[in-house]
Amino acid sequence: MFLPFDYRRDWTIGENRSWNEQYLLQALLQFSSGYRILFGCNYAFYRFRNEIINVINHPNGHGFGGGSFYFQKT
């Protein structure tokens, strides 16, 4: 999940990946008050890139966001 961003262009256009789970989840969360977002790994990496890289502490300084997205029914 790349929320709140779109899937990567090189995946959708370049590799013709036609995933749609993210857009279904986005519609569910956008038009329902029955859920709350707990954590989005990709968003955390986008927003706190340096902190994530420091926590992962990879020998080459690499970091990654992951694709997990946690939400809760209220």
C-alpha atoms as a PDB file:
ATOM      1  CA  MET A   1       0.000   0.000   0.000  1.00  0.00           C
ATOM      2  CA  PHE A   2       1.350   3.366  -0.997  1.00  0.00           C
ATOM      3  CA  LEU A   3      -1.455   5.431   0.546  1.00  0.00           C
ATOM      4  CA  PRO A   4      -1.854   8.364   0.436  1.00  0.00           C
ATOM      5  CA  PHE A   5       0.140   8.130  -2.815  1.00  0.00           C
ATOM      6  CA  ASP A   6      -0.524   6.184  -6.018  1.00  0.00           C
ATOM      7  CA  TYR A   7       1.212   3.006  -7.012  1.00  0.00           C
ATOM      8  CA  ARG A   8       4.621   3.548  -8.551  1.00  0.00           C
ATOM      9  CA  ARG A   9       4.419   4.585 -12.200  1.00  0.00           C
ATOM     10  CA  ASP A  10       7.160   2.164 -13.269  1.00  0.00           C
ATOM     11  CA  TRP A  11       5.058  -0.670 -11.813  1.00  0.00           C
ATOM     12  CA  THR A  12       1.718   0.304 -13.366  1.00  0.00           C
ATOM     13  CA  ILE A  13       2.908   1.564 -16.741  1.00  0.00           C
ATOM     14  CA  GLY A  14       6.303  -0.075 -17.179  1.00  0.00           C
ATOM     15  CA  GLU A  15       5.439  -3.522 -15.796  1.00  0.00           C
ATOM     16  CA  ASN A  16       1.672  -3.463 -16.427  1.00  0.00           C
ATOM     17  CA  ARG A  17       0.803  -4.353 -12.843  1.00  0.00           C
ATOM     18  CA  SER A  18      -2.946  -3.874 -12.467  1.00  0.00           C
ATOM     19  CA  TRP A  19      -3.395  -4.003  -8.736  1.00  0.00           C
ATOM     20  CA  ASN A  20      -6.443  -2.285  -7.270  1.00  0.00           C
ATOM     21  CA  GLU A  21      -6.571  -3.221  -3.574  1.00  0.00           C
ATOM     22  CA  GLN A  22      -5.189   0.157  -2.579  1.00  0.00           C
ATOM     23  CA  TYR A  23      -7.947   2.047  -4.374  1.00  0.00           C
ATOM     24  CA  LEU A  24     -10.657  -0.079  -2.772  1.00  0.00           C
ATOM     25  CA  LEU A  25      -9.145   0.572   0.663  1.00  0.00           C
ATOM     26  CA  GLN A  26      -8.896   4.285  -0.113  1.00  0.00           C
ATOM     27  CA  ALA A  27     -12.580   4.420  -1.072  1.00  0.00           C
ATOM     28  CA  LEU A  28     -13.550   2.528   2.092  1.00  0.00           C
ATOM     29  CA  LEU A  29     -11.613   4.886   4.351  1.00  0.00           C
ATOM     30  CA  GLN A  30     -12.554   8.051   2.501  1.00  0.00           C
ATOM     31  CA  PHE A  31     -16.298   7.481   2.520  1.00  0.00           C
ATOM     32  CA  SER A  32     -16.788   5.781   5.871  1.00  0.00           C
ATOM     33  CA  SER A  33     -16.555   7.082   9.399  1.00  0.00           C
ATOM     34  CA  GLY A  34     -16.425   3.522  10.751  1.00  0.00           C
ATOM     35  CA  TYR A  35     -12.654   3.126  10.468  1.00  0.00           C
ATOM     36  CA  ARG A  36      -9.563   4.895  11.673  1.00  0.00           C
ATOM     37  CA  ILE A  37      -6.051   4.706  10.333  1.00  0.00           C
ATOM     38  CA  LEU A  38      -3.461   3.401  12.772  1.00  0.00           C
ATOM     39  CA  PHE A  39      -0.250   3.278  10.742  1.00  0.00           C
ATOM     40  CA  GLY A  40       0.958   3.243   7.149  1.00  0.00           C
ATOM     41  CA  CYS A  41       4.500   1.929   6.674  1.00  0.00           C
ATOM     42  CA  ASN A  42       5.054   3.568   3.289  1.00  0.00           C
ATOM     43  CA  TYR A  43       3.779   6.922   4.532  1.00  0.00           C
ATOM     44  CA  ALA A  44       6.007   6.720   7.615  1.00  0.00           C
ATOM     45  CA  PHE A  45       9.012   6.128   5.375  1.00  0.00           C
ATOM     46  CA  TYR A  46       8.023   9.048   3.138  1.00  0.00           C
ATOM     47  CA  ARG A  47       7.453  11.388   6.081  1.00  0.00           C
ATOM     48  CA  PHE A  48      10.269  10.213   8.408  1.00  0.00           C
ATOM     49  CA  ARG A  49      12.813   8.757   5.968  1.00  0.00           C
ATOM     50  CA  ASN A  50      15.970   9.588   7.950  1.00  0.00           C
ATOM     51  CA  GLU A  51      14.518   8.322  11.207  1.00  0.00           C
ATOM     52  CA  ILE A  52      13.435   5.029   9.607  1.00  0.00           C
ATOM     53  CA  ILE A  53      16.872   4.536   8.025  1.00  0.00           C
ATOM     54  CA  ASN A  54      18.515   5.199  11.402  1.00  0.00           C
ATOM     55  CA  VAL A  55      16.240   2.702  13.171  1.00  0.00           C
ATOM     56  CA  ILE A  56      16.775  -0.019  10.558  1.00  0.00           C
ATOM     57  CA  ASN A  57      20.520   0.617  10.824  1.00  0.00           C
ATOM     58  CA  HIS A  58      21.384  -1.244   7.621  1.00  0.00           C
ATOM     59  CA  PRO A  59      25.181  -1.447   7.085  1.00  0.00           C
ATOM     60  CA  ASN A  60      24.893   0.295   3.696  1.00  0.00           C
ATOM     61  CA  GLY A  61      22.532   2.983   4.996  1.00  0.00           C
ATOM     62  CA  HIS A  62      19.559   1.635   3.042  1.00  0.00           C
ATOM     63  CA  GLY A  63      15.988   2.036   4.199  1.00  0.00           C
ATOM     64  CA  PHE A  64      12.605   0.914   2.981  1.00  0.00           C
ATOM     65  CA  GLY A  65       9.007   1.746   3.669  1.00  0.00           C
ATOM     66  CA  GLY A  66       7.242  -1.537   3.351  1.00  0.00           C
ATOM     67  CA  GLY A  67       3.653  -1.926   2.277  1.00  0.00           C
ATOM     68  CA  SER A  68       1.731  -2.692   5.445  1.00  0.00           C
ATOM     69  CA  PHE A  69      -1.243  -0.531   6.304  1.00  0.00           C
ATOM     70  CA  TYR A  70      -3.010  -0.836   9.649  1.00  0.00           C
ATOM     71  CA  PHE A  71      -6.518   0.387  10.336  1.00  0.00           C
ATOM     72  CA  GLN A  72      -9.209  -0.341  12.878  1.00  0.00           C
ATOM     73  CA  LYS A  73     -12.977  -0.646  12.729  1.00  0.00           C
ATOM     74  CA  THR A  74     -14.480   1.805  15.216  1.00  0.00           C
END
